[in-house]
Protein backbone atom coordinates (compact mmCIF):
# COMPACT_ATOMS: atom_id res chain seq x y z
CA MET A 1 10.99 23.35 4.50
CA THR A 2 8.17 20.88 3.74
CA THR A 3 8.46 19.11 0.40
CA PRO A 4 5.28 19.04 -1.72
CA ARG A 5 3.64 15.67 -2.27
CA THR A 6 4.13 15.99 -6.06
CA ALA A 7 7.90 15.92 -5.48
CA LEU A 8 7.73 13.00 -2.99
CA VAL A 9 5.52 10.80 -5.29
CA SER A 10 7.00 10.78 -8.74
CA LEU A 11 6.18 7.83 -11.02
CA ASP A 12 9.17 8.72 -13.15
CA ASP A 13 11.37 7.75 -10.17
CA THR A 14 9.46 4.62 -8.99
CA PRO A 15 5.95 3.16 -8.86
CA TRP A 16 6.61 1.64 -5.30
CA TYR A 17 5.79 3.46 -2.12
CA HIS A 18 5.74 2.82 1.61
CA CYS A 19 3.02 4.80 3.38
CA VAL A 20 2.19 5.28 7.08
CA SER A 21 -0.86 6.83 8.82
CA ARG A 22 -1.13 7.40 12.56
CA CYS A 23 -4.08 7.99 14.80
CA VAL A 24 -4.52 11.49 16.31
CA ARG A 25 -2.56 12.01 19.52
CA ARG A 26 -1.12 8.53 18.92
CA ALA A 27 -4.13 7.12 20.86
CA PHE A 28 -5.02 3.49 20.71
CA LEU A 29 -8.13 4.03 18.63
CA CYS A 30 -7.67 0.78 16.71
CA GLY A 31 -6.77 -1.58 19.54
CA GLU A 32 -7.00 -1.93 23.33
CA ASP A 33 -7.35 1.49 25.08
CA HIS A 34 -5.71 0.92 28.49
CA PHE A 35 -7.16 4.26 29.81
CA SER A 36 -10.87 3.78 28.99
CA GLY A 37 -10.81 -0.04 28.95
CA ARG A 38 -12.57 -0.16 25.59
CA ASN A 39 -11.41 -2.48 22.82
CA PHE A 40 -11.27 -1.20 19.32
CA GLU A 41 -9.57 -4.20 17.81
CA HIS A 42 -12.26 -4.56 15.14
CA ARG A 43 -11.25 -1.22 13.58
CA ARG A 44 -8.03 -2.87 12.45
CA GLY A 45 -10.15 -5.20 10.32
CA TRP A 46 -11.91 -2.11 8.85
CA ILE A 47 -8.58 -0.73 7.60
CA ALA A 48 -7.31 -4.03 6.19
CA GLU A 49 -10.64 -4.71 4.49
CA ARG A 50 -10.98 -1.25 2.99
CA MET A 51 -7.38 -1.24 1.75
CA LEU A 52 -7.89 -4.33 -0.41
CA GLN A 53 -11.33 -3.13 -1.57
CA LEU A 54 -9.73 0.06 -2.90
CA ALA A 55 -7.03 -2.01 -4.67
CA GLY A 56 -9.88 -3.54 -6.72
CA ILE A 57 -10.92 -0.06 -7.92
CA PHE A 58 -7.75 2.02 -8.08
CA ALA A 59 -4.80 1.15 -10.36
CA ILE A 60 -2.81 0.74 -7.16
CA ASP A 61 -1.91 -2.73 -5.85
CA VAL A 62 -1.08 -3.69 -2.22
CA ALA A 63 2.15 -5.61 -1.72
CA ALA A 64 2.41 -5.55 2.07
CA TYR A 65 0.46 -4.10 5.05
CA ALA A 66 0.42 -4.18 8.81
CA VAL A 67 -2.39 -2.65 10.88
CA MET A 68 -1.24 -1.80 14.37
CA SER A 69 -3.11 -0.32 17.31
CA ASN A 70 -2.49 3.34 16.52
CA HIS A 71 -1.10 3.31 13.08
CA TYR A 72 -0.80 1.28 9.85
CA HIS A 73 1.79 0.71 7.22
CA VAL A 74 1.21 -0.26 3.56
CA VAL A 75 3.50 -0.88 0.67
CA VAL A 76 1.86 -0.24 -2.73
CA ARG A 77 2.64 -0.18 -6.45
CA ILE A 78 1.03 2.45 -8.68
CA ASP A 79 0.17 1.12 -12.16
CA ARG A 80 -0.32 4.22 -14.33
CA GLU A 81 -0.25 2.23 -17.55
CA ARG A 82 -3.20 0.15 -16.42
CA ALA A 83 -5.28 3.24 -15.62
CA LEU A 84 -4.44 4.84 -18.98
CA GLY A 85 -5.72 1.72 -20.73
CA TRP A 86 -9.19 1.85 -19.16
CA SER A 87 -12.12 3.09 -21.30
CA ALA A 88 -14.01 6.19 -20.14
CA GLU A 89 -16.95 3.95 -19.22
CA GLU A 90 -14.70 1.73 -17.09
CA VAL A 91 -13.26 4.73 -15.41
CA LEU A 92 -16.63 6.12 -14.51
CA ARG A 93 -17.94 2.75 -13.28
CA ARG A 94 -14.98 2.39 -11.02
CA TRP A 95 -15.22 5.93 -9.56
CA THR A 96 -19.01 5.70 -8.98
CA GLN A 97 -18.37 2.68 -6.73
CA LEU A 98 -16.78 5.14 -4.28
CA PHE A 99 -18.45 8.53 -4.93
CA SER A 100 -21.73 9.57 -6.39
CA GLY A 101 -21.14 11.53 -9.58
CA PRO A 102 -22.88 14.35 -11.45
CA LEU A 103 -26.17 13.64 -13.08
CA LEU A 104 -24.46 13.59 -16.49
CA VAL A 105 -22.34 10.56 -15.32
CA THR A 106 -25.54 8.74 -14.18
CA ARG A 107 -27.14 9.31 -17.59
CA TYR A 108 -24.05 8.18 -19.53
CA LEU A 109 -23.96 4.91 -17.52
CA SER A 110 -27.63 4.25 -18.16
CA GLU A 111 -29.84 3.73 -21.15
CA ALA A 112 -30.21 7.49 -21.41
CA ARG A 113 -26.78 7.77 -22.98
CA ALA A 114 -28.33 7.52 -26.45
CA GLY A 115 -30.18 10.80 -25.94
CA MET A 116 -27.22 12.87 -24.81
CA CYS A 117 -25.97 15.65 -27.11
CA ALA A 118 -22.37 16.18 -28.13
CA ALA A 119 -21.66 18.84 -25.52
CA GLU A 120 -22.84 16.60 -22.74
CA LEU A 121 -20.67 13.69 -24.01
CA ALA A 122 -17.69 16.02 -24.13
CA GLU A 123 -18.35 17.04 -20.52
CA VAL A 124 -18.55 13.37 -19.44
CA ALA A 125 -15.29 12.64 -21.29
CA ALA A 126 -13.55 15.47 -19.41
CA LEU A 127 -14.90 14.18 -16.05
CA ALA A 128 -13.60 10.70 -16.90
CA GLU A 129 -10.12 12.00 -17.50
CA GLY A 130 -10.16 13.75 -14.22
CA TYR A 131 -11.33 10.53 -12.46
CA ARG A 132 -8.74 8.56 -14.35
CA ALA A 133 -5.96 10.72 -12.89
CA ARG A 134 -7.37 10.21 -9.37
CA LEU A 135 -7.53 6.41 -9.88
CA HIS A 136 -3.76 6.15 -10.06
CA ASP A 137 -3.01 8.94 -7.52
CA LEU A 138 -1.55 7.81 -4.22
CA SER A 139 -2.99 10.77 -2.29
CA TRP A 140 -6.53 9.89 -3.53
CA PHE A 141 -6.02 6.24 -2.58
CA MET A 142 -4.90 7.18 0.96
CA ARG A 143 -7.53 9.91 1.35
CA THR A 144 -10.32 7.52 0.30
CA LEU A 145 -8.99 4.84 2.72
CA ASN A 146 -8.45 7.20 5.71
CA GLU A 147 -11.73 9.20 5.33
CA HIS A 148 -13.83 6.06 5.21
CA VAL A 149 -12.27 4.69 8.35
CA ALA A 150 -12.56 8.06 10.14
CA ARG A 151 -16.22 8.31 9.37
CA GLN A 152 -16.90 4.83 10.59
CA ALA A 153 -14.98 5.44 13.86
CA ASN A 154 -16.66 8.78 14.53
CA ALA A 155 -20.07 7.31 13.85
CA GLU A 156 -19.37 4.39 16.26
CA ASP A 157 -18.19 6.83 19.01
CA GLY A 158 -20.84 9.43 18.33
CA VAL A 159 -18.30 12.21 17.94
CA LYS A 160 -16.93 14.59 15.34
CA GLY A 161 -13.32 15.66 14.54
CA ARG A 162 -10.04 14.20 13.51
CA PHE A 163 -9.30 10.53 13.63
CA TRP A 164 -5.87 10.69 11.90
CA GLU A 165 -3.23 13.02 13.18
CA GLY A 166 -2.43 14.49 9.74
CA ARG A 167 -1.70 13.47 6.12
CA PHE A 168 -0.01 10.17 5.53
CA LYS A 169 3.71 9.88 5.33
CA SER A 170 5.28 8.33 2.24
CA GLN A 171 8.66 6.94 1.25
CA ALA A 172 9.62 6.24 -2.39
CA LEU A 173 11.13 2.80 -2.79
CA LEU A 174 13.73 3.37 -5.54
CA ASP A 175 14.90 -0.14 -6.23
CA GLU A 176 14.43 -3.88 -5.47
CA PRO A 177 16.53 -3.88 -2.30
CA ALA A 178 14.44 -0.95 -0.94
CA LEU A 179 11.25 -2.76 -1.74
CA LEU A 180 12.43 -5.84 -0.04
CA ALA A 181 13.58 -3.98 3.10
CA ALA A 182 10.23 -2.03 3.31
CA MET A 183 8.08 -5.13 2.88
CA ALA A 184 10.07 -7.06 5.60
CA TYR A 185 9.91 -3.99 7.89
CA VAL A 186 6.14 -3.85 7.45
CA ASP A 187 5.45 -7.53 7.88
CA LEU A 188 7.63 -7.70 11.04
CA ASN A 189 5.96 -4.72 12.74
CA PRO A 190 3.88 -6.76 15.25
CA VAL A 191 6.86 -9.00 16.06
CA ARG A 192 9.13 -6.02 16.84
CA ALA A 193 6.30 -4.44 18.86
CA GLY A 194 6.07 -7.58 21.02
CA ILE A 195 2.43 -8.26 20.24
CA ALA A 196 3.02 -11.36 18.11
CA ALA A 197 5.53 -14.20 18.52
CA THR A 198 5.87 -15.01 14.84
CA PRO A 199 4.98 -13.41 11.55
CA GLU A 200 2.24 -15.99 10.77
CA THR A 201 0.46 -15.15 14.05
CA SER A 202 0.60 -11.41 13.44
CA ASP A 203 -3.08 -10.41 13.01
CA TYR A 204 -4.02 -7.87 10.31
CA THR A 205 -0.73 -8.24 8.35
CA SER A 206 -0.09 -9.21 4.78
CA ILE A 207 2.39 -12.00 5.84
CA GLN A 208 -0.34 -13.72 7.81
CA GLU A 209 -2.79 -13.43 4.90
CA ARG A 210 -0.21 -14.86 2.46
CA VAL A 211 0.76 -17.76 4.76
CA GLY A 212 -2.95 -18.56 5.27
CA ALA A 213 -3.33 -18.78 1.49
CA VAL A 214 -0.02 -20.57 0.79
CA THR A 215 -1.78 -23.63 -0.60
CA GLU A 216 -3.28 -21.58 -3.44
CA ALA A 217 -1.03 -21.33 -6.42
CA ALA A 218 -2.15 -17.74 -7.14
CA SER A 219 -0.72 -16.48 -3.80
CA THR A 220 2.84 -17.51 -4.73
CA GLU A 221 3.88 -17.68 -8.37
CA VAL A 222 1.90 -16.32 -11.34
CA PRO A 223 2.39 -16.72 -15.07
CA SER A 224 3.70 -13.60 -16.79
CA ASP A 225 0.73 -13.35 -19.08
CA ALA A 226 -1.90 -13.21 -16.31
CA HIS A 227 -4.01 -10.18 -15.77
CA PRO A 228 -3.48 -7.75 -12.85
CA PRO A 229 -5.71 -8.68 -9.87
CA ALA A 230 -7.39 -5.18 -9.70
CA ASP A 231 -8.80 -5.69 -13.20
CA ALA A 232 -10.28 -9.01 -12.15
CA ALA A 233 -12.60 -7.26 -9.60
CA PRO A 234 -16.21 -7.03 -10.64
CA THR A 235 -17.57 -3.56 -11.20
CA ALA A 236 -20.73 -2.58 -9.37
CA THR A 237 -23.67 -0.84 -10.96
CA PRO A 238 -23.68 2.89 -9.99
CA PRO A 239 -26.38 4.25 -7.76
CA ALA A 240 -29.70 5.07 -9.52
CA THR A 241 -29.92 8.61 -8.25
CA LEU A 242 -26.98 10.87 -7.69
CA ALA A 243 -26.89 14.52 -6.66
CA GLY A 244 -23.44 15.99 -6.49
CA GLU A 245 -20.42 14.00 -5.56
CA HIS A 246 -20.36 12.40 -2.16
CA PRO A 247 -19.01 9.21 -0.57
CA CYS A 248 -21.26 6.27 -1.26
CA SER A 249 -23.34 4.71 1.54
CA GLU A 250 -22.00 2.22 4.11
CA ALA A 251 -24.00 -0.55 2.45
CA GLN A 252 -22.44 0.14 -0.91
CA ALA A 253 -18.99 0.31 0.69
CA ARG A 254 -19.42 -3.07 2.33
CA ALA A 255 -20.56 -4.54 -0.97
CA LEU A 256 -17.22 -3.68 -2.69
CA ALA A 257 -15.18 -6.74 -3.82
CA ARG A 258 -11.95 -7.45 -1.90
CA VAL A 259 -9.05 -8.33 -4.19
CA PRO A 260 -5.96 -10.43 -3.25
CA LEU A 261 -2.58 -9.05 -2.41
CA MET A 262 -0.02 -8.62 -5.20
CA PRO A 263 1.33 -11.96 -6.27
CA PHE A 264 5.03 -12.88 -6.34
CA ASP A 265 6.89 -13.54 -9.54
CA ALA A 266 10.43 -14.76 -9.24
CA THR A 267 11.13 -14.15 -12.93
CA ALA A 268 10.50 -10.42 -12.48
CA ARG A 269 8.79 -10.41 -15.96
CA THR A 270 5.38 -9.43 -14.57
CA PRO A 271 5.54 -5.70 -13.86
CA TRP A 272 2.56 -5.69 -11.40
CA ALA A 273 3.90 -8.60 -9.27
CA VAL A 274 6.40 -8.48 -6.46
CA PRO A 275 9.66 -9.39 -8.16
CA PHE A 276 10.87 -12.10 -5.79
CA ALA A 277 10.13 -15.73 -5.08
CA PHE A 278 7.63 -16.14 -2.31
CA GLU A 279 9.66 -18.82 -0.58
CA ASP A 280 12.71 -16.57 -0.58
CA TYR A 281 10.76 -13.77 0.94
CA LEU A 282 9.33 -16.02 3.63
CA ALA A 283 12.81 -17.26 4.46
CA LEU A 284 14.10 -13.63 4.72
CA VAL A 285 11.24 -12.52 6.98
CA ASP A 286 11.57 -15.60 9.25
CA TRP A 287 15.34 -15.18 9.41
CA THR A 288 15.21 -11.49 10.18
CA GLY A 289 12.38 -11.88 12.64
CA ARG A 290 14.24 -14.51 14.58
CA ALA A 291 17.41 -12.49 14.62
CA LEU A 292 15.55 -9.57 16.01
CA ARG A 293 14.23 -11.63 19.04
CA PRO A 294 16.68 -11.57 22.03
CA ASP A 295 15.71 -15.13 23.13
CA LYS A 296 16.53 -16.54 19.75
CA ARG A 297 19.45 -14.42 18.58
CA GLY A 298 22.19 -16.59 17.22
CA GLN A 299 20.12 -19.77 16.95
CA ILE A 300 19.86 -19.59 13.20
CA GLY A 301 23.00 -20.19 11.19
CA ALA A 302 24.92 -17.63 9.25
CA ARG A 303 23.61 -18.90 5.90
CA TYR A 304 21.94 -15.96 4.18
CA PRO A 305 18.69 -16.35 2.20
CA ARG A 306 19.37 -16.53 -1.56
CA ILE A 307 17.66 -13.15 -2.16
CA LEU A 308 20.13 -11.34 0.09
CA ASP A 309 23.10 -12.51 -2.09
CA ARG A 310 21.25 -11.88 -5.23
CA LEU A 311 20.47 -8.21 -4.25
CA ASN A 312 23.81 -7.47 -2.61
CA ILE A 313 22.26 -6.73 0.79
CA ASP A 314 24.49 -6.87 3.88
CA GLY A 315 22.50 -9.23 6.14
CA GLU A 316 23.95 -8.04 9.43
CA HIS A 317 23.25 -4.41 8.57
CA PHE A 318 19.77 -5.39 7.40
CA ILE A 319 18.98 -6.77 10.88
CA SER A 320 20.39 -3.71 12.57
CA TYR A 321 18.22 -1.31 10.57
CA ALA A 322 15.11 -3.54 10.21
CA ASP A 323 13.52 -2.13 13.38
CA ARG A 324 14.09 1.54 12.49
CA LEU A 325 13.78 1.71 8.72
CA LEU A 326 11.35 4.57 8.76
CA LYS A 327 13.55 6.88 10.87
CA ALA A 328 16.86 5.91 9.19
CA PHE A 329 15.55 7.08 5.83
CA GLY A 330 13.62 10.15 4.79
CA SER A 331 11.20 10.46 1.91
CA ALA A 332 12.99 7.82 -0.21
CA ILE A 333 14.71 4.46 0.36
CA GLY A 334 17.27 2.95 -2.02
CA ALA A 335 20.89 2.42 -2.93
CA PRO A 336 23.23 5.40 -2.63
CA GLU A 337 23.24 6.05 -6.38
CA ALA A 338 19.49 5.96 -6.47
CA LEU A 339 19.19 8.49 -3.67
CA THR A 340 21.75 10.76 -5.42
CA SER A 341 19.76 10.57 -8.58
CA VAL A 342 16.56 11.56 -6.75
CA CYS A 343 18.34 14.53 -5.18
CA ALA A 344 19.25 15.70 -8.67
CA ARG A 345 15.72 15.38 -9.99
CA ARG A 346 14.27 17.13 -6.95
CA GLN A 347 16.92 19.77 -7.06
CA THR A 348 17.86 19.23 -3.42
CA LYS A 349 21.32 18.87 -1.93
CA TYR A 350 20.52 16.16 0.61
CA LEU A 351 18.23 13.24 1.41
CA ARG A 352 18.28 11.66 4.87
CA GLY A 353 19.56 8.07 4.83
CA ILE A 354 22.51 8.26 2.47
CA ARG A 355 24.88 6.86 5.15
CA THR A 356 22.41 4.08 5.94
CA ALA A 357 22.10 3.29 2.32
CA ARG A 358 25.89 2.86 1.97
CA ALA A 359 25.90 0.37 4.87
CA LEU A 360 22.76 -1.48 3.90
CA PHE A 361 22.74 -1.61 0.14
CA THR A 362 26.43 -1.74 -0.82
CA GLN A 363 27.96 -5.09 -1.68
CA LYS A 364 30.63 -6.30 0.73
CA LEU A 365 34.09 -6.64 -0.78
CA ALA A 366 35.53 -10.15 -0.90
CA ALA A 367 38.08 -10.81 1.86
């Protein structure tokens, strides 16, 4: 029986999620179509760009992504507390960067607010609370991303109909080892698919973007008192005339600010940062990627990256599952005790991946 999204995405369990969307019929609608000879590589850029634009509006930050020829992966963190801290005006300004709103919202965000009566202000407040819930909702984030790309692609092709084969798939990342495994899995997707030799040459991936910005201090370590990147994004002025609620124009969509990926914080004191050292993560991705390549297997020594020892991950099992993480687990990834706890909360008897979790996330006994 299909599990409802409300059970799969529970912020009481974890704010971290790995999501996947695939093109309809698994066609190469974002890369080189070998049947028609057409090249749709530029659409991969659409997805990466839109993803980080939305991160500047939603209270959802992007930790890792990889845009492939017929699907994409993204690892995100949902920051409910940040959304709850926004004022009603901030919520409305953010939402109207994406969708036109009712006339009441337009008036509220203009000089006409002074002439609004109490009933109108109460209606605006109710609308703002509804938008606030959407701005930290994973389904709305993915819907806004996928719908925008589908409209662009259909307009370019002069057709109508589905671009994505269905709703996105999501996996809850229940603990730090699960987050680490999912991020490495996503960043190594092009290497495993044979379309890139190294992570840093993998186009449209977060690892390439991070390596490209490695000289900037903000891309590696951040102070614990810094502000979340999504709050640093400038808010645009809402459209002057709005009738109903519809997606904003292409010109308005292109004007949206693109925010950086989530930073790394080795101290783990910053809740909205990835809780690892960037150099440790790079070492892990490089080590895992090399071990997956047949022509280089065994050329790197047996020394594990520090992060593997710290999180009690079995390195050999990590390699063996790194190319099939999505299939080995079901709707959640984590240590055995974390999966058991989720089963109890969801009132289910079983979650796929418990055997994998025991092999991957259980500390090896000393010899």
